[in-house]
Amino acid sequence: MKSTSTYFIRLYKYNKKFGRFLVLVLVFLASIGLIIESVGLLEFPIVFEYAIWNLLMVATLPYLVYAIRLQFNFSSQVKLFYKKGIPMDSTEGFKYTKNAIKRNFTWTIILSLVVLISIVLHWLSSDTEIVADVLEYISISLLLFYLAVLLKLDIPATALLRPGNFLNYHTPDFFPTYLDNILQDSLLTFLDPRTRYQYDDWVIDITNKLHPEFESDEQDQIRIERAVERILLLLYLQNKIPDILSAETLKSHLLQVIDPGNYDNFISGKDSDMSIDVFEDILDILVDDVPEVFLLVDRLLIEIMVNPTAFDFSHTFIEVIIPEHVVEVRKPFKVLAYVLNLREEGDQRVVTVRADTSTQMEPRNTTIQIPLDESEEKIKELINRQKRLNGELVYSNRIIEILTYMLQVGDAVWLQFIPMNYGNHILNLSIQENSVHTYGTTTSIKVRLSIKNTLRKHGSKLSGIGGLIVPLVRYVFF
């Protein structure tokens, strides 16, 4: 038999999708209804009135139960890590994540109590004629204050301190400007402390369960890097195009990397506490956080399948991802410049990436030099086979292998820019080698206002101001 708390968690998950809208409608109806009744324009049936307030209480109660459970689980699991000898509070980003959870816990408790007090005051106002108006308008004010903070509040989707559950609460302290293993390096940047710790165990688990024949002619470190890169790539593609890369197809590709005898334990995360399902959830979040990285994956895949002749072995393959528009000023956005060395040369190749922006964007000028990884004969053989087939619109092991090589062998520069004003901004980006330009582009980036963020920001302020003004308006004009 399921516990009562389980049903509260289910109700909260429903609230996670519909709670804000439901509370918004209920607060609006309750507030407007009270005002209309107070000025004598209309009198609602008592059954309808109590139905609104009771529904509001039902919509609010899961937040209260959930917040208590969240804080308790977070604190208890941090203590559990200490008992294992792992000082979690010393890990990168832990304090930020802990403060974000504590802040949301505190406000959730306050808001839940506010709405409950508001409901009690409304009930009392119906039985106490002398102070009825006072109690009713205090309850309205409390509801509007409640709505003001609720619009800005965000609560985790689960109360468990499991890998991936607190990615939305973690803001990276720094961003690497150089990506060697494209998917792995960008993923590590956004992992919260709990997930990062478990990620290391996941990589160790891959090392222990690696297929003996996977990249057997390479050094151990390169084998592990390519194994991780390929698994992340497969999980992304399976999530992106599940109709083509089905579960069975995914399994067949993973069995090229993981030893068949250890496959089930690896998928379930038995030894690492990081199942494939957990990573799929993590990638869902990262696709929104770092769209330029996954857009690069998509473009490389298109070139391999549709236009393999783009990979000319006498040149360097370059792909630059620049957003056409971004939302909000003073909010960083990222540009990705990817370079794949396709020429075999004895000397180390170094390219210079330079970016110049308009006067309303920071930084104005950026110059970064990156050493390119050496090209490999195996990737050339695979691409030549793809060229002879004039492209192949099937997710064969060869295509996945080519793309894995490109993500692991290719190098990328990850640049951040901050627009200072709305409107169109110009970004000039060039790539050169030995003072010779090999690539150049000029892009106009439109910085626009986010309607959703604006409504949350200003709606919260207006609701808070309304909580102060409504009682004053009542006694001044009525």
Protein backbone atom coordinates (compact mmCIF):
# COMPACT_ATOMS: atom_id res chain seq x y z
CA MET A 1 0.00 0.00 0.00
CA LYS A 2 1.38 3.39 -1.00
CA SER A 3 2.08 5.96 1.71
CA THR A 4 0.21 9.25 2.00
CA SER A 5 3.39 11.15 1.09
CA THR A 6 3.53 9.24 -2.23
CA TYR A 7 0.14 10.63 -3.19
CA PHE A 8 1.26 14.12 -2.21
CA ILE A 9 4.31 13.74 -4.46
CA ARG A 10 2.10 12.64 -7.34
CA LEU A 11 -0.18 15.60 -6.74
CA TYR A 12 2.84 17.91 -6.63
CA LYS A 13 4.12 16.58 -9.97
CA TYR A 14 0.70 17.41 -11.40
CA ASN A 15 1.05 20.86 -9.84
CA LYS A 16 4.49 21.22 -11.41
CA LYS A 17 2.83 21.32 -14.82
CA PHE A 18 -0.47 22.97 -14.00
CA GLY A 19 -0.02 24.40 -10.48
CA ARG A 20 1.02 27.94 -11.45
CA PHE A 21 -1.85 28.30 -13.90
CA LEU A 22 -4.33 26.76 -11.46
CA VAL A 23 -3.24 29.00 -8.58
CA LEU A 24 -3.26 32.05 -10.88
CA VAL A 25 -6.86 31.38 -11.91
CA LEU A 26 -7.98 30.63 -8.35
CA VAL A 27 -6.29 33.72 -6.89
CA PHE A 28 -7.83 35.85 -9.63
CA LEU A 29 -11.31 34.42 -9.02
CA ALA A 30 -11.02 34.68 -5.24
CA SER A 31 -9.71 38.26 -5.34
CA ILE A 32 -12.14 39.57 -7.95
CA GLY A 33 -15.03 37.73 -6.29
CA LEU A 34 -14.29 39.29 -2.91
CA ILE A 35 -13.98 42.78 -4.38
CA ILE A 36 -17.26 42.46 -6.34
CA GLU A 37 -19.05 41.21 -3.24
CA SER A 38 -17.60 43.95 -1.03
CA VAL A 39 -18.80 46.79 -3.28
CA GLY A 40 -22.24 45.20 -3.55
CA LEU A 41 -22.22 44.53 -7.30
CA LEU A 42 -22.87 40.82 -7.01
CA GLU A 43 -23.17 38.14 -4.38
CA PHE A 44 -21.80 34.70 -5.15
CA PRO A 45 -23.43 31.55 -3.79
CA ILE A 46 -21.67 30.38 -0.65
CA VAL A 47 -21.04 26.95 -2.21
CA PHE A 48 -19.21 28.51 -5.18
CA GLU A 49 -17.18 30.74 -2.90
CA TYR A 50 -16.04 27.91 -0.64
CA ALA A 51 -15.28 25.73 -3.67
CA ILE A 52 -12.77 28.30 -4.95
CA TRP A 53 -11.00 28.61 -1.60
CA ASN A 54 -10.92 24.87 -0.98
CA LEU A 55 -9.46 24.23 -4.43
CA LEU A 56 -6.83 26.88 -3.73
CA MET A 57 -5.88 25.09 -0.53
CA VAL A 58 -5.65 21.73 -2.36
CA ALA A 59 -3.41 23.31 -5.02
CA THR A 60 -1.14 24.80 -2.35
CA LEU A 61 -0.80 21.94 0.16
CA PRO A 62 1.45 19.73 -2.02
CA TYR A 63 3.98 22.57 -2.22
CA LEU A 64 4.19 22.67 1.57
CA VAL A 65 4.58 18.89 1.99
CA TYR A 66 7.02 18.72 -0.88
CA ALA A 67 9.23 21.55 0.37
CA ILE A 68 9.65 19.86 3.74
CA ARG A 69 10.49 16.56 2.06
CA LEU A 70 12.96 18.27 -0.29
CA GLN A 71 14.92 19.98 2.47
CA PHE A 72 14.96 16.86 4.62
CA ASN A 73 16.23 14.61 1.80
CA PHE A 74 18.86 17.11 0.69
CA SER A 75 20.30 17.51 4.20
CA SER A 76 20.21 13.80 5.02
CA GLN A 77 21.94 12.77 1.80
CA VAL A 78 24.68 15.37 2.23
CA LYS A 79 25.33 13.90 5.71
CA LEU A 80 25.42 10.45 4.14
CA PHE A 81 28.22 11.59 1.82
CA TYR A 82 30.13 12.91 4.81
CA LYS A 83 29.91 9.50 6.46
CA LYS A 84 31.50 8.07 3.32
CA GLY A 85 34.34 10.56 3.65
CA ILE A 86 33.17 12.85 0.83
CA PRO A 87 32.96 16.57 1.84
CA MET A 88 30.26 17.62 -0.62
CA ASP A 89 30.29 21.25 0.54
CA SER A 90 33.81 21.62 -0.89
CA THR A 91 32.80 20.61 -4.40
CA GLU A 92 32.48 23.22 -7.12
CA GLY A 93 29.09 24.95 -7.16
CA PHE A 94 27.79 23.23 -4.01
CA LYS A 95 27.15 26.42 -2.02
CA TYR A 96 25.21 27.99 -4.88
CA THR A 97 23.06 24.89 -5.26
CA LYS A 98 22.52 24.58 -1.50
CA ASN A 99 21.52 28.26 -1.15
CA ALA A 100 19.11 28.00 -4.09
CA ILE A 101 17.38 24.99 -2.53
CA LYS A 102 17.28 26.63 0.90
CA ARG A 103 15.85 29.84 -0.55
CA ASN A 104 13.11 28.00 -2.39
CA PHE A 105 12.39 25.86 0.67
CA THR A 106 11.99 28.94 2.88
CA TRP A 107 9.76 30.78 0.44
CA THR A 108 7.63 27.71 -0.20
CA ILE A 109 6.97 27.34 3.52
CA ILE A 110 6.14 31.05 3.82
CA LEU A 111 3.85 31.04 0.79
CA SER A 112 2.01 27.93 1.90
CA LEU A 113 1.39 29.45 5.32
CA VAL A 114 0.32 32.74 3.74
CA VAL A 115 -2.36 31.14 1.58
CA LEU A 116 -3.60 29.02 4.50
CA ILE A 117 -3.83 32.11 6.71
CA SER A 118 -5.65 33.91 3.91
CA ILE A 119 -8.19 31.10 3.66
CA VAL A 120 -8.73 31.09 7.44
CA LEU A 121 -9.25 34.87 7.43
CA HIS A 122 -11.83 34.54 4.69
CA TRP A 123 -13.70 31.89 6.67
CA LEU A 124 -13.62 34.11 9.77
CA SER A 125 -14.86 37.10 7.78
CA SER A 126 -18.06 35.24 6.91
CA ASP A 127 -18.84 34.75 10.63
CA THR A 128 -17.68 38.08 12.02
CA GLU A 129 -19.67 40.95 10.54
CA ILE A 130 -17.87 43.74 12.43
CA VAL A 131 -14.44 43.07 10.95
CA ALA A 132 -15.61 41.27 7.81
CA ASP A 133 -14.25 43.88 5.39
CA VAL A 134 -10.92 44.08 7.18
CA LEU A 135 -10.41 40.33 7.16
CA GLU A 136 -11.52 39.95 3.55
CA TYR A 137 -9.13 42.54 2.22
CA ILE A 138 -6.27 41.27 4.33
CA SER A 139 -6.90 37.86 2.76
CA ILE A 140 -6.87 39.46 -0.72
CA SER A 141 -3.58 41.21 0.05
CA LEU A 142 -2.03 37.97 1.28
CA LEU A 143 -3.17 36.15 -1.86
CA LEU A 144 -1.65 38.80 -4.12
CA PHE A 145 1.64 38.66 -2.19
CA TYR A 146 1.51 34.89 -2.53
CA LEU A 147 1.06 35.15 -6.29
CA ALA A 148 3.89 37.72 -6.56
CA VAL A 149 6.48 35.33 -5.14
CA LEU A 150 5.00 32.20 -6.75
CA LEU A 151 5.58 33.69 -10.21
CA LYS A 152 9.32 33.89 -9.48
CA LEU A 153 9.65 30.65 -7.53
CA ASP A 154 10.96 27.45 -9.08
CA ILE A 155 10.91 24.10 -7.34
CA PRO A 156 12.80 20.91 -8.34
CA ALA A 157 10.82 18.18 -10.07
CA THR A 158 11.78 15.67 -7.39
CA ALA A 159 12.73 15.82 -3.73
CA LEU A 160 15.50 13.23 -4.01
CA LEU A 161 19.18 14.18 -4.17
CA ARG A 162 19.73 11.97 -7.20
CA PRO A 163 22.02 12.60 -10.17
CA GLY A 164 20.55 15.18 -12.53
CA ASN A 165 17.77 16.38 -10.23
CA PHE A 166 19.37 19.73 -9.38
CA LEU A 167 20.83 20.78 -12.73
CA ASN A 168 18.34 23.66 -12.89
CA TYR A 169 19.71 24.95 -9.57
CA HIS A 170 23.34 24.88 -10.60
CA THR A 171 25.00 27.82 -12.35
CA PRO A 172 28.54 27.06 -13.58
CA ASP A 173 31.28 29.17 -12.00
CA PHE A 174 33.20 29.20 -15.27
CA PHE A 175 32.93 28.12 -18.90
CA PRO A 176 35.86 26.51 -20.70
CA THR A 177 36.84 28.38 -23.85
CA TYR A 178 38.34 25.23 -25.37
CA LEU A 179 36.43 21.99 -25.93
CA ASP A 180 38.50 18.92 -26.79
CA ASN A 181 35.89 16.19 -26.40
CA ILE A 182 32.86 18.19 -27.47
CA LEU A 183 30.00 16.43 -25.68
CA GLN A 184 31.91 15.43 -22.55
CA ASP A 185 33.49 18.83 -21.92
CA SER A 186 30.23 20.76 -22.40
CA LEU A 187 28.35 18.23 -20.24
CA LEU A 188 30.82 18.50 -17.35
CA THR A 189 30.45 22.29 -17.33
CA PHE A 190 26.77 22.10 -16.37
CA LEU A 191 26.72 19.17 -13.95
CA ASP A 192 25.75 20.03 -10.38
CA PRO A 193 28.07 18.77 -7.59
CA ARG A 194 26.01 15.65 -6.85
CA THR A 195 25.78 14.64 -10.49
CA ARG A 196 29.44 15.44 -11.18
CA TYR A 197 30.53 13.14 -8.36
CA GLN A 198 28.39 10.32 -9.72
CA TYR A 199 29.53 11.00 -13.29
CA ASP A 200 33.08 10.01 -12.34
CA ASP A 201 31.74 6.68 -11.10
CA TRP A 202 29.86 6.29 -14.38
CA VAL A 203 33.08 6.76 -16.40
CA ILE A 204 34.83 4.21 -14.17
CA ASP A 205 31.91 1.84 -14.79
CA ILE A 206 32.38 2.25 -18.56
CA THR A 207 36.09 1.56 -18.13
CA ASN A 208 35.37 -1.68 -16.29
CA LYS A 209 32.69 -2.80 -18.74
CA LEU A 210 34.32 -1.71 -21.99
CA HIS A 211 34.12 -4.15 -24.89
CA PRO A 212 37.58 -5.74 -25.38
CA GLU A 213 37.50 -5.08 -29.14
CA PHE A 214 36.38 -1.45 -28.95
CA GLU A 215 39.22 0.73 -30.31
CA SER A 216 41.60 -2.02 -29.15
CA ASP A 217 44.52 -0.51 -31.10
CA GLU A 218 44.33 2.80 -29.21
CA GLN A 219 45.70 3.91 -25.85
CA ASP A 220 43.45 3.33 -22.85
CA GLN A 221 42.71 7.03 -22.31
CA ILE A 222 41.63 7.52 -25.93
CA ARG A 223 39.47 4.39 -25.76
CA ILE A 224 37.63 5.73 -22.71
CA GLU A 225 37.15 9.19 -24.21
CA ARG A 226 35.71 7.78 -27.42
CA ALA A 227 33.51 5.32 -25.54
CA VAL A 228 31.97 8.09 -23.41
CA GLU A 229 31.59 10.38 -26.44
CA ARG A 230 29.86 7.67 -28.45
CA ILE A 231 27.47 6.72 -25.64
CA LEU A 232 26.46 10.36 -25.10
CA LEU A 233 26.02 10.77 -28.85
CA LEU A 234 23.82 7.68 -29.11
CA LEU A 235 21.62 8.78 -26.21
CA TYR A 236 21.17 12.22 -27.76
CA LEU A 237 20.29 10.80 -31.19
CA GLN A 238 17.91 8.26 -29.70
CA ASN A 239 16.11 11.08 -27.89
CA LYS A 240 16.20 13.35 -30.96
CA ILE A 241 14.96 10.83 -33.54
CA PRO A 242 13.46 7.85 -31.68
CA ASP A 243 11.56 6.66 -34.78
CA ILE A 244 14.85 6.02 -36.60
CA LEU A 245 17.21 5.18 -33.77
CA SER A 246 14.89 2.82 -31.91
CA ALA A 247 15.59 1.12 -28.60
CA GLU A 248 16.76 -2.03 -30.40
CA THR A 249 19.03 -0.05 -32.71
CA LEU A 250 20.42 1.83 -29.71
CA LYS A 251 21.18 -1.47 -27.99
CA SER A 252 23.01 -2.82 -31.02
CA HIS A 253 25.19 0.30 -31.14
CA LEU A 254 25.88 0.24 -27.40
CA LEU A 255 26.94 -3.39 -27.61
CA GLN A 256 29.77 -2.21 -29.87
CA VAL A 257 31.08 -0.27 -26.85
CA ILE A 258 29.97 -2.23 -23.78
CA ASP A 259 30.82 -5.88 -23.21
CA PRO A 260 27.61 -7.94 -23.73
CA GLY A 261 28.06 -9.73 -20.41
CA ASN A 262 27.94 -6.41 -18.54
CA TYR A 263 25.34 -4.66 -20.69
CA ASP A 264 22.30 -5.05 -18.42
CA ASN A 265 24.19 -3.87 -15.32
CA PHE A 266 25.51 -0.86 -17.23
CA ILE A 267 22.09 0.16 -18.57
CA SER A 268 20.49 -0.09 -15.12
CA GLY A 269 23.36 1.74 -13.39
CA LYS A 270 23.74 -1.08 -10.91
CA ASP A 271 27.38 -0.27 -10.10
CA SER A 272 27.43 3.48 -10.81
CA ASP A 273 23.95 4.66 -9.72
CA MET A 274 23.70 6.35 -13.14
CA SER A 275 21.27 4.54 -15.40
CA ILE A 276 20.73 5.32 -19.05
CA ASP A 277 17.36 6.86 -18.14
CA VAL A 278 19.13 9.34 -15.84
CA PHE A 279 21.43 10.43 -18.65
CA GLU A 280 18.52 10.87 -21.04
CA ASP A 281 16.92 13.24 -18.52
CA ILE A 282 20.21 15.13 -18.14
CA LEU A 283 20.57 15.52 -21.91
CA ASP A 284 17.00 16.84 -22.14
CA ILE A 285 18.03 19.70 -19.88
CA LEU A 286 21.38 20.31 -21.58
CA VAL A 287 19.80 20.59 -25.02
CA ASP A 288 18.16 23.80 -23.76
CA ASP A 289 21.25 25.02 -21.88
CA VAL A 290 23.81 24.47 -24.65
CA PRO A 291 21.85 24.35 -27.93
CA GLU A 292 24.92 25.32 -29.94
CA VAL A 293 26.70 22.07 -29.00
CA PHE A 294 23.86 19.83 -30.13
CA LEU A 295 23.23 21.96 -33.21
CA LEU A 296 26.85 21.22 -34.15
CA VAL A 297 26.13 17.49 -33.77
CA ASP A 298 23.09 17.83 -36.05
CA ARG A 299 25.02 19.71 -38.72
CA LEU A 300 27.92 17.26 -38.71
CA LEU A 301 25.47 14.39 -39.03
CA ILE A 302 23.78 16.04 -42.03
CA GLU A 303 27.12 16.58 -43.76
CA ILE A 304 28.17 12.96 -43.19
CA MET A 305 24.89 11.53 -44.47
CA VAL A 306 24.02 13.95 -47.26
CA ASN A 307 27.22 15.71 -48.29
CA PRO A 308 30.31 13.66 -47.33
CA THR A 309 32.37 15.39 -50.06
CA ALA A 310 32.45 18.44 -47.75
CA PHE A 311 35.28 16.72 -45.89
CA ASP A 312 38.20 17.51 -48.18
CA PHE A 313 41.40 15.94 -46.87
CA SER A 314 43.54 18.75 -48.26
CA HIS A 315 41.78 21.31 -46.06
CA THR A 316 40.41 21.93 -42.60
CA PHE A 317 36.69 21.39 -41.98
CA ILE A 318 35.13 24.31 -40.09
CA GLU A 319 31.64 24.75 -38.67
CA VAL A 320 30.55 27.83 -36.71
CA ILE A 321 27.34 27.98 -34.66
CA ILE A 322 26.06 31.53 -34.06
CA PRO A 323 22.51 32.15 -32.81
CA GLU A 324 20.29 34.30 -35.04
CA HIS A 325 18.52 35.75 -32.03
CA VAL A 326 18.87 35.74 -28.25
CA VAL A 327 16.55 36.83 -25.46
CA GLU A 328 17.18 39.44 -22.79
CA VAL A 329 20.01 41.92 -22.38
CA ARG A 330 22.90 41.30 -19.97
CA LYS A 331 22.28 37.58 -20.31
CA PRO A 332 25.27 35.66 -21.79
CA PHE A 333 24.92 33.68 -24.98
CA LYS A 334 27.50 31.36 -26.54
CA VAL A 335 29.11 30.94 -29.95
CA LEU A 336 30.82 27.70 -30.97
CA ALA A 337 33.63 27.51 -33.56
CA TYR A 338 34.52 23.92 -34.48
CA VAL A 339 37.69 22.96 -36.39
CA LEU A 340 38.53 19.46 -37.65
CA ASN A 341 42.05 18.78 -38.87
CA LEU A 342 41.85 16.62 -42.02
CA ARG A 343 45.44 17.02 -43.21
CA GLU A 344 48.33 14.84 -42.17
CA GLU A 345 51.31 17.01 -41.28
CA GLY A 346 54.30 16.40 -39.08
CA ASP A 347 54.18 19.77 -37.32
CA GLN A 348 51.58 20.78 -34.77
CA ARG A 349 48.88 22.87 -36.42
CA VAL A 350 47.58 25.92 -34.58
CA VAL A 351 44.66 28.08 -35.70
CA THR A 352 43.61 31.48 -34.38
CA VAL A 353 39.95 32.31 -33.76
CA ARG A 354 39.13 36.02 -33.62
CA ALA A 355 35.76 37.60 -32.80
CA ASP A 356 34.86 41.32 -33.00
CA THR A 357 31.50 42.66 -31.89
CA SER A 358 29.52 45.87 -32.08
CA THR A 359 29.81 48.57 -29.43
CA GLN A 360 26.76 47.26 -27.53
CA MET A 361 28.18 43.81 -26.79
CA GLU A 362 30.89 42.55 -24.45
CA PRO A 363 33.66 41.56 -24.89
CA ARG A 364 34.43 43.76 -27.91
CA ASN A 365 37.42 41.73 -29.14
CA THR A 366 38.42 38.13 -28.48
CA THR A 367 41.40 36.21 -29.87
CA ILE A 368 42.13 32.58 -29.00
CA GLN A 369 44.69 30.17 -30.40
CA ILE A 370 43.94 26.45 -30.35
CA PRO A 371 46.26 23.53 -31.20
CA LEU A 372 44.53 21.01 -33.46
CA ASP A 373 44.54 17.28 -32.79
CA GLU A 374 46.30 15.22 -35.43
CA SER A 375 44.17 13.72 -38.15
CA GLU A 376 43.75 9.96 -38.15
CA GLU A 377 43.86 7.54 -41.05
CA LYS A 378 40.87 5.59 -39.77
CA ILE A 379 38.49 8.53 -40.04
CA LYS A 380 39.65 9.10 -43.62
CA GLU A 381 38.93 5.48 -44.52
CA LEU A 382 35.43 5.72 -43.05
CA ILE A 383 34.67 9.00 -44.84
CA ASN A 384 35.99 7.64 -48.16
CA ARG A 385 33.63 4.67 -47.85
CA GLN A 386 30.79 7.08 -47.17
CA LYS A 387 31.73 9.13 -50.24
CA ARG A 388 31.67 6.04 -52.45
CA LEU A 389 28.11 5.39 -51.30
CA ASN A 390 27.21 9.02 -52.14
CA GLY A 391 25.87 9.41 -48.64
CA GLU A 392 23.75 6.99 -46.66
CA LEU A 393 20.49 7.89 -44.96
CA VAL A 394 20.77 5.05 -42.47
CA TYR A 395 22.21 5.23 -38.95
CA SER A 396 24.80 2.56 -39.58
CA ASN A 397 27.62 1.84 -37.20
CA ARG A 398 29.97 3.53 -39.67
CA ILE A 399 28.10 6.85 -39.52
CA ILE A 400 28.03 6.77 -35.72
CA GLU A 401 31.73 5.93 -35.71
CA ILE A 402 32.57 8.84 -38.05
CA LEU A 403 30.59 11.27 -35.94
CA THR A 404 32.23 10.00 -32.75
CA TYR A 405 35.67 10.54 -34.25
CA MET A 406 34.74 14.07 -35.30
CA LEU A 407 33.51 14.99 -31.83
CA GLN A 408 36.55 13.50 -30.13
CA VAL A 409 39.29 14.46 -32.61
CA GLY A 410 37.87 17.85 -33.60
CA ASP A 411 38.53 20.95 -31.50
CA ALA A 412 36.20 23.80 -30.62
CA VAL A 413 36.31 27.28 -29.14
CA TRP A 414 33.38 28.18 -26.88
CA LEU A 415 32.92 31.96 -26.71
CA GLN A 416 30.56 33.93 -24.48
CA PHE A 417 29.09 37.36 -25.26
CA ILE A 418 26.83 39.67 -23.28
CA PRO A 419 24.50 42.06 -25.18
CA MET A 420 24.01 45.37 -23.39
CA ASN A 421 20.95 46.60 -25.35
CA TYR A 422 18.04 45.23 -27.36
CA GLY A 423 18.10 45.34 -31.16
CA ASN A 424 20.50 44.05 -33.82
CA HIS A 425 24.19 43.50 -33.07
CA ILE A 426 26.99 42.59 -35.44
CA LEU A 427 29.45 39.77 -34.77
CA ASN A 428 32.48 39.25 -37.01
CA LEU A 429 34.25 35.91 -36.61
CA SER A 430 37.33 34.76 -38.47
CA ILE A 431 39.65 31.76 -38.32
CA GLN A 432 43.19 31.90 -39.64
CA GLU A 433 46.30 29.77 -39.78
CA ASN A 434 49.79 31.20 -40.25
CA SER A 435 48.23 34.68 -40.70
CA VAL A 436 46.14 33.39 -43.61
CA HIS A 437 42.35 33.61 -43.31
CA THR A 438 40.66 30.24 -43.81
CA TYR A 439 37.19 31.23 -42.63
CA GLY A 440 35.24 34.42 -42.03
CA THR A 441 31.62 35.36 -41.35
CA THR A 442 29.61 38.43 -40.34
CA THR A 443 26.37 37.76 -38.52
CA SER A 444 23.58 40.03 -37.30
CA ILE A 445 22.22 38.86 -33.95
CA LYS A 446 18.87 40.14 -32.82
CA VAL A 447 18.44 40.62 -29.08
CA ARG A 448 14.75 40.55 -28.24
CA LEU A 449 12.56 40.76 -25.19
CA SER A 450 11.32 37.52 -23.64
CA ILE A 451 7.57 37.83 -23.15
CA LYS A 452 7.53 34.93 -20.69
CA ASN A 453 10.30 36.39 -18.51
CA THR A 454 8.74 39.85 -18.72
CA LEU A 455 5.36 38.57 -17.57
CA ARG A 456 6.95 36.68 -14.67
CA LYS A 457 9.07 39.65 -13.65
CA HIS A 458 6.54 42.46 -13.98
CA GLY A 459 3.54 40.29 -13.13
CA SER A 460 5.23 39.48 -9.85
CA LYS A 461 5.87 43.17 -9.13
CA LEU A 462 2.32 44.21 -10.05
CA SER A 463 0.85 41.48 -7.91
CA GLY A 464 2.97 42.58 -4.95
CA ILE A 465 1.98 46.21 -5.45
CA GLY A 466 -1.65 45.11 -5.75
CA GLY A 467 -1.38 43.49 -2.35
CA LEU A 468 -0.62 46.93 -0.90
CA ILE A 469 -3.04 48.99 -2.99
CA VAL A 470 -6.24 46.90 -2.84
CA PRO A 471 -7.04 47.60 0.86
CA LEU A 472 -6.23 51.29 0.40
CA VAL A 473 -8.51 51.59 -2.64
CA ARG A 474 -11.32 49.90 -0.72
CA TYR A 475 -11.27 52.40 2.13
CA VAL A 476 -10.56 55.49 0.02
CA PHE A 477 -13.22 54.96 -2.67
CA PHE A 478 -15.76 52.70 -1.01
